PDB file of N, CA and C in Angstrom:
ATOM      1  N   UNK A   1       4.559  15.754  10.131  1.00  0.00           N
ATOM      2  CA  UNK A   1       5.104  15.228   8.907  1.00  0.00           C
ATOM      3  C   UNK A   1       5.659  16.360   8.041  1.00  0.00           C
ATOM      4  N   UNK A   2       5.005  17.504   8.027  1.00  0.00           N
ATOM      5  CA  UNK A   2       5.490  18.641   7.247  1.00  0.00           C
ATOM      6  C   UNK A   2       6.864  19.077   7.757  1.00  0.00           C
ATOM      7  N   UNK A   3       7.044  19.052   9.066  1.00  0.00           N
ATOM      8  CA  UNK A   3       8.341  19.418   9.647  1.00  0.00           C
ATOM      9  C   UNK A   3       9.431  18.453   9.169  1.00  0.00           C
ATOM     10  N   UNK A   4       9.071  17.204   9.059  1.00  0.00           N
ATOM     11  CA  UNK A   4      10.007  16.186   8.599  1.00  0.00           C
ATOM     12  C   UNK A   4      10.416  16.444   7.147  1.00  0.00           C
ATOM     13  N   UNK A   5       9.456  16.800   6.302  1.00  0.00           N
ATOM     14  CA  UNK A   5       9.759  17.108   4.904  1.00  0.00           C
ATOM     15  C   UNK A   5      10.607  18.365   4.788  1.00  0.00           C
ATOM     16  N   UNK A   6      10.326  19.373   5.616  1.00  0.00           N
ATOM     17  CA  UNK A   6      11.122  20.602   5.581  1.00  0.00           C
ATOM     18  C   UNK A   6      12.575  20.316   5.937  1.00  0.00           C
ATOM     19  N   UNK A   7      12.782  19.473   6.936  1.00  0.00           N
ATOM     20  CA  UNK A   7      14.142  19.104   7.330  1.00  0.00           C
ATOM     21  C   UNK A   7      14.848  18.362   6.201  1.00  0.00           C
ATOM     22  N   UNK A   8      14.131  17.473   5.559  1.00  0.00           N
ATOM     23  CA  UNK A   8      14.709  16.708   4.458  1.00  0.00           C
ATOM     24  C   UNK A   8      15.036  17.605   3.269  1.00  0.00           C
ATOM     25  N   UNK A   9      14.142  18.525   2.931  1.00  0.00           N
ATOM     26  CA  UNK A   9      14.356  19.390   1.773  1.00  0.00           C
ATOM     27  C   UNK A   9      15.442  20.427   2.008  1.00  0.00           C
ATOM     28  N   UNK A  10      15.684  20.790   3.267  1.00  0.00           N
ATOM     29  CA  UNK A  10      16.777  21.717   3.567  1.00  0.00           C
ATOM     30  C   UNK A  10      18.130  21.045   3.451  1.00  0.00           C
ATOM     31  N   UNK A  11      18.151  19.735   3.461  1.00  0.00           N
ATOM     32  CA  UNK A  11      19.408  19.009   3.341  1.00  0.00           C
ATOM     33  C   UNK A  11      20.123  18.817   4.660  1.00  0.00           C
ATOM     34  N   UNK A  12      19.394  18.903   5.751  1.00  0.00           N
ATOM     35  CA  UNK A  12      19.994  18.711   7.074  1.00  0.00           C
ATOM     36  C   UNK A  12      20.102  17.213   7.347  1.00  0.00           C
ATOM     37  N   UNK A  13      21.154  16.605   6.848  1.00  0.00           N
ATOM     38  CA  UNK A  13      21.292  15.155   6.973  1.00  0.00           C
ATOM     39  C   UNK A  13      21.640  14.717   8.392  1.00  0.00           C
ATOM     40  N   UNK A  14      22.107  15.624   9.224  1.00  0.00           N
ATOM     41  CA  UNK A  14      22.446  15.279  10.600  1.00  0.00           C
ATOM     42  C   UNK A  14      21.280  15.483  11.562  1.00  0.00           C
ATOM     43  N   UNK A  15      20.121  15.810  11.061  1.00  0.00           N
ATOM     44  CA  UNK A  15      18.964  16.066  11.923  1.00  0.00           C
ATOM     45  C   UNK A  15      18.515  14.776  12.602  1.00  0.00           C
ATOM     46  N   UNK A  16      18.047  14.902  13.824  1.00  0.00           N
ATOM     47  CA  UNK A  16      17.611  13.736  14.587  1.00  0.00           C
ATOM     48  C   UNK A  16      16.382  13.080  13.981  1.00  0.00           C
ATOM     49  N   UNK A  17      15.525  13.864  13.358  1.00  0.00           N
ATOM     50  CA  UNK A  17      14.300  13.286  12.808  1.00  0.00           C
ATOM     51  C   UNK A  17      14.575  12.386  11.610  1.00  0.00           C
ATOM     52  N   UNK A  18      15.715  12.555  10.971  1.00  0.00           N
ATOM     53  CA  UNK A  18      16.050  11.706   9.833  1.00  0.00           C
ATOM     54  C   UNK A  18      16.805  10.450  10.244  1.00  0.00           C
ATOM     55  N   UNK A  19      17.196  10.361  11.499  1.00  0.00           N
ATOM     56  CA  UNK A  19      17.956   9.197  11.957  1.00  0.00           C
ATOM     57  C   UNK A  19      17.068   8.046  12.399  1.00  0.00           C
ATOM     58  N   UNK A  20      15.751   8.250  12.398  1.00  0.00           N
ATOM     59  CA  UNK A  20      14.835   7.196  12.814  1.00  0.00           C
ATOM     60  C   UNK A  20      14.161   6.594  11.581  1.00  0.00           C
ATOM     61  N   UNK A  21      14.807   5.651  10.925  1.00  0.00           N
ATOM     62  CA  UNK A  21      14.179   5.082   9.735  1.00  0.00           C
ATOM     63  C   UNK A  21      12.996   4.199  10.119  1.00  0.00           C
ATOM     64  N   UNK A  22      12.065   4.129   9.264  1.00  0.00           N
ATOM     65  CA  UNK A  22      10.908   3.281   9.507  1.00  0.00           C
ATOM     66  C   UNK A  22      10.067   3.181   8.246  1.00  0.00           C
ATOM     67  N   UNK A  23       9.217   2.176   8.234  1.00  0.00           N
ATOM     68  CA  UNK A  23       8.364   1.965   7.071  1.00  0.00           C
ATOM     69  C   UNK A  23       7.365   3.091   6.890  1.00  0.00           C
ATOM     70  N   UNK A  24       6.958   3.700   7.990  1.00  0.00           N
ATOM     71  CA  UNK A  24       5.985   4.793   7.893  1.00  0.00           C
ATOM     72  C   UNK A  24       6.568   5.973   7.127  1.00  0.00           C
ATOM     73  N   UNK A  25       7.811   6.344   7.446  1.00  0.00           N
ATOM     74  CA  UNK A  25       8.445   7.465   6.755  1.00  0.00           C
ATOM     75  C   UNK A  25       8.781   7.107   5.321  1.00  0.00           C
ATOM     76  N   UNK A  26       9.220   5.882   5.111  1.00  0.00           N
ATOM     77  CA  UNK A  26       9.517   5.427   3.755  1.00  0.00           C
ATOM     78  C   UNK A  26       8.271   5.478   2.880  1.00  0.00           C
ATOM     79  N   UNK A  27       7.146   5.022   3.418  1.00  0.00           N
ATOM     80  CA  UNK A  27       5.887   5.046   2.666  1.00  0.00           C
ATOM     81  C   UNK A  27       5.423   6.472   2.402  1.00  0.00           C
ATOM     82  N   UNK A  28       5.605   7.354   3.380  1.00  0.00           N
ATOM     83  CA  UNK A  28       5.176   8.742   3.169  1.00  0.00           C
ATOM     84  C   UNK A  28       6.060   9.434   2.134  1.00  0.00           C
ATOM     85  N   UNK A  29       7.354   9.125   2.106  1.00  0.00           N
ATOM     86  CA  UNK A  29       8.233   9.688   1.079  1.00  0.00           C
ATOM     87  C   UNK A  29       7.853   9.163  -0.305  1.00  0.00           C
ATOM     88  N   UNK A  30       7.571   7.874  -0.391  1.00  0.00           N
ATOM     89  CA  UNK A  30       7.160   7.305  -1.679  1.00  0.00           C
ATOM     90  C   UNK A  30       5.841   7.905  -2.154  1.00  0.00           C
ATOM     91  N   UNK A  31       4.918   8.128  -1.226  1.00  0.00           N
ATOM     92  CA  UNK A  31       3.642   8.747  -1.584  1.00  0.00           C
ATOM     93  C   UNK A  31       3.846  10.179  -2.069  1.00  0.00           C
ATOM     94  N   UNK A  32       4.709  10.920  -1.396  1.00  0.00           N
ATOM     95  CA  UNK A  32       4.985  12.299  -1.816  1.00  0.00           C
ATOM     96  C   UNK A  32       5.637  12.330  -3.198  1.00  0.00           C
ATOM     97  N   UNK A  33       6.539  11.392  -3.467  1.00  0.00           N
ATOM     98  CA  UNK A  33       7.174  11.318  -4.782  1.00  0.00           C
ATOM     99  C   UNK A  33       6.150  10.952  -5.847  1.00  0.00           C
ATOM    100  N   UNK A  34       5.268  10.000  -5.549  1.00  0.00           N
ATOM    101  CA  UNK A  34       4.258   9.580  -6.521  1.00  0.00           C
ATOM    102  C   UNK A  34       3.276  10.705  -6.828  1.00  0.00           C
ATOM    103  N   UNK A  35       2.819  11.404  -5.799  1.00  0.00           N
ATOM    104  CA  UNK A  35       1.870  12.505  -6.014  1.00  0.00           C
ATOM    105  C   UNK A  35       2.542  13.651  -6.761  1.00  0.00           C
ATOM    106  N   UNK A  36       3.732  14.001  -6.336  1.00  0.00           N
ATOM    107  CA  UNK A  36       4.442  15.093  -6.999  1.00  0.00           C
ATOM    108  C   UNK A  36       4.762  14.791  -8.452  1.00  0.00           C
ATOM    109  N   UNK A  37       5.195  13.572  -8.732  1.00  0.00           N
ATOM    110  CA  UNK A  37       5.526  13.235 -10.113  1.00  0.00           C
ATOM    111  C   UNK A  37       4.282  13.093 -10.978  1.00  0.00           C
ATOM    112  N   UNK A  38       3.158  12.680 -10.405  1.00  0.00           N
ATOM    113  CA  UNK A  38       1.940  12.620 -11.213  1.00  0.00           C
ATOM    114  C   UNK A  38       1.404  14.017 -11.510  1.00  0.00           C
ATOM    115  N   UNK A  39       1.531  14.936 -10.573  1.00  0.00           N
ATOM    116  CA  UNK A  39       1.139  16.327 -10.852  1.00  0.00           C
ATOM    117  C   UNK A  39       2.051  16.921 -11.919  1.00  0.00           C
ATOM    118  N   UNK A  40       3.327  16.648 -11.823  1.00  0.00           N
ATOM    119  CA  UNK A  40       4.274  17.121 -12.838  1.00  0.00           C
ATOM    120  C   UNK A  40       3.943  16.519 -14.203  1.00  0.00           C
ATOM    121  N   UNK A  41       3.659  15.230 -14.233  1.00  0.00           N
ATOM    122  CA  UNK A  41       3.292  14.580 -15.488  1.00  0.00           C
ATOM    123  C   UNK A  41       2.004  15.131 -16.068  1.00  0.00           C
ATOM    124  N   UNK A  42       1.053  15.454 -15.205  1.00  0.00           N
ATOM    125  CA  UNK A  42      -0.206  16.030 -15.684  1.00  0.00           C
ATOM    126  C   UNK A  42       0.023  17.396 -16.314  1.00  0.00           C
ATOM    127  N   UNK A  43       0.882  18.191 -15.723  1.00  0.00           N
ATOM    128  CA  UNK A  43       1.147  19.507 -16.309  1.00  0.00           C
ATOM    129  C   UNK A  43       1.934  19.393 -17.611  1.00  0.00           C
ATOM    130  N   UNK A  44       2.801  18.397 -17.717  1.00  0.00           N
ATOM    131  CA  UNK A  44       3.524  18.178 -18.966  1.00  0.00           C
ATOM    132  C   UNK A  44       2.559  17.740 -20.067  1.00  0.00           C
ATOM    133  N   UNK A  45       1.631  16.848 -19.742  1.00  0.00           N
ATOM    134  CA  UNK A  45       0.684  16.355 -20.744  1.00  0.00           C
ATOM    135  C   UNK A  45      -0.430  17.322 -21.070  1.00  0.00           C
ATOM    136  N   UNK A  46      -0.623  18.331 -20.259  1.00  0.00           N
ATOM    137  CA  UNK A  46      -1.735  19.259 -20.452  1.00  0.00           C
ATOM    138  C   UNK A  46      -1.570  20.122 -21.695  1.00  0.00           C
ATOM    139  N   UNK A  47      -0.368  20.321 -22.160  1.00  0.00           N
ATOM    140  CA  UNK A  47      -0.160  21.152 -23.347  1.00  0.00           C
ATOM    141  C   UNK A  47      -0.801  20.522 -24.582  1.00  0.00           C
ATOM    142  N   UNK A  48      -0.954  19.202 -24.563  1.00  0.00           N
ATOM    143  CA  UNK A  48      -1.482  18.501 -25.745  1.00  0.00           C
ATOM    144  C   UNK A  48      -2.999  18.366 -25.686  1.00  0.00           C
ATOM    145  N   UNK A  49      -3.488  17.720 -24.639  1.00  0.00           N
ATOM    146  CA  UNK A  49      -4.929  17.478 -24.504  1.00  0.00           C
ATOM    147  C   UNK A  49      -5.207  17.008 -23.081  1.00  0.00           C
ATOM    148  N   UNK A  50      -6.439  17.166 -22.611  1.00  0.00           N
ATOM    149  CA  UNK A  50      -6.757  16.695 -21.258  1.00  0.00           C
ATOM    150  C   UNK A  50      -6.561  15.186 -21.085  1.00  0.00           C
ATOM    151  N   UNK A  51      -6.898  14.409 -22.106  1.00  0.00           N
ATOM    152  CA  UNK A  51      -6.706  12.964 -22.006  1.00  0.00           C
ATOM    153  C   UNK A  51      -5.222  12.607 -21.951  1.00  0.00           C
ATOM    154  N   UNK A  52      -4.418  13.309 -22.704  1.00  0.00           N
ATOM    155  CA  UNK A  52      -2.966  13.107 -22.644  1.00  0.00           C
ATOM    156  C   UNK A  52      -2.442  13.433 -21.252  1.00  0.00           C
ATOM    157  N   UNK A  53      -3.020  14.426 -20.625  1.00  0.00           N
ATOM    158  CA  UNK A  53      -2.627  14.802 -19.271  1.00  0.00           C
ATOM    159  C   UNK A  53      -2.875  13.657 -18.297  1.00  0.00           C
ATOM    160  N   UNK A  54      -4.005  12.990 -18.447  1.00  0.00           N
ATOM    161  CA  UNK A  54      -4.324  11.854 -17.565  1.00  0.00           C
ATOM    162  C   UNK A  54      -3.334  10.716 -17.779  1.00  0.00           C
ATOM    163  N   UNK A  55      -3.074  10.382 -19.033  1.00  0.00           N
ATOM    164  CA  UNK A  55      -2.144   9.290 -19.316  1.00  0.00           C
ATOM    165  C   UNK A  55      -0.734   9.596 -18.817  1.00  0.00           C
ATOM    166  N   UNK A  56      -0.298  10.816 -19.000  1.00  0.00           N
ATOM    167  CA  UNK A  56       1.042  11.187 -18.545  1.00  0.00           C
ATOM    168  C   UNK A  56       1.118  11.224 -17.028  1.00  0.00           C
ATOM    169  N   UNK A  57       0.034  11.630 -16.376  1.00  0.00           N
ATOM    170  CA  UNK A  57       0.009  11.625 -14.910  1.00  0.00           C
ATOM    171  C   UNK A  57       0.097  10.210 -14.359  1.00  0.00           C
ATOM    172  N   UNK A  58      -0.387   9.243 -15.105  1.00  0.00           N
ATOM    173  CA  UNK A  58      -0.294   7.842 -14.672  1.00  0.00           C
ATOM    174  C   UNK A  58       1.083   7.263 -15.000  1.00  0.00           C
ATOM    175  N   UNK A  59       1.595   7.579 -16.188  1.00  0.00           N
ATOM    176  CA  UNK A  59       2.847   6.961 -16.639  1.00  0.00           C
ATOM    177  C   UNK A  59       4.095   7.549 -15.990  1.00  0.00           C
ATOM    178  N   UNK A  60       4.097   8.832 -15.711  1.00  0.00           N
ATOM    179  CA  UNK A  60       5.320   9.461 -15.215  1.00  0.00           C
ATOM    180  C   UNK A  60       5.779   8.907 -13.861  1.00  0.00           C
ATOM    181  N   UNK A  61       4.884   8.700 -12.885  1.00  0.00           N
ATOM    182  CA  UNK A  61       5.362   8.070 -11.634  1.00  0.00           C
ATOM    183  C   UNK A  61       5.899   6.658 -11.847  1.00  0.00           C
ATOM    184  N   UNK A  62       5.379   5.955 -12.843  1.00  0.00           N
ATOM    185  CA  UNK A  62       5.899   4.620 -13.131  1.00  0.00           C
ATOM    186  C   UNK A  62       7.335   4.677 -13.638  1.00  0.00           C
ATOM    187  N   UNK A  63       7.677   5.745 -14.330  1.00  0.00           N
ATOM    188  CA  UNK A  63       9.063   5.920 -14.770  1.00  0.00           C
ATOM    189  C   UNK A  63       9.993   6.204 -13.594  1.00  0.00           C
ATOM    190  N   UNK A  64       9.490   6.931 -12.614  1.00  0.00           N
ATOM    191  CA  UNK A  64      10.299   7.276 -11.448  1.00  0.00           C
ATOM    192  C   UNK A  64      10.575   6.037 -10.596  1.00  0.00           C
ATOM    193  N   UNK A  65       9.546   5.214 -10.412  1.00  0.00           N
ATOM    194  CA  UNK A  65       9.723   4.028  -9.579  1.00  0.00           C
ATOM    195  C   UNK A  65      10.149   2.863 -10.434  1.00  0.00           C
TER     196      UNK A  65
END
C-alpha cells in the first residue's frame, strides 16, 4: 500500500497500479485523507487549547468530505 501511495504522490498517472480502481483503494485513500486532515486540524487547534485541538481534529475532516 505504501508503494501505491508513493506512486500517487509522485504524480505518475500512467502507472499500472493506478489503473486498477477498486473500493479497497478508494477506502484507503479516504482513510488517509481523513487521518491526515484530522492531524492537521489537531495541530491548527493546538495553538489555542488542548480541547480546541480535539474539536478541530474532528471538524476539519468533515470540511474536507
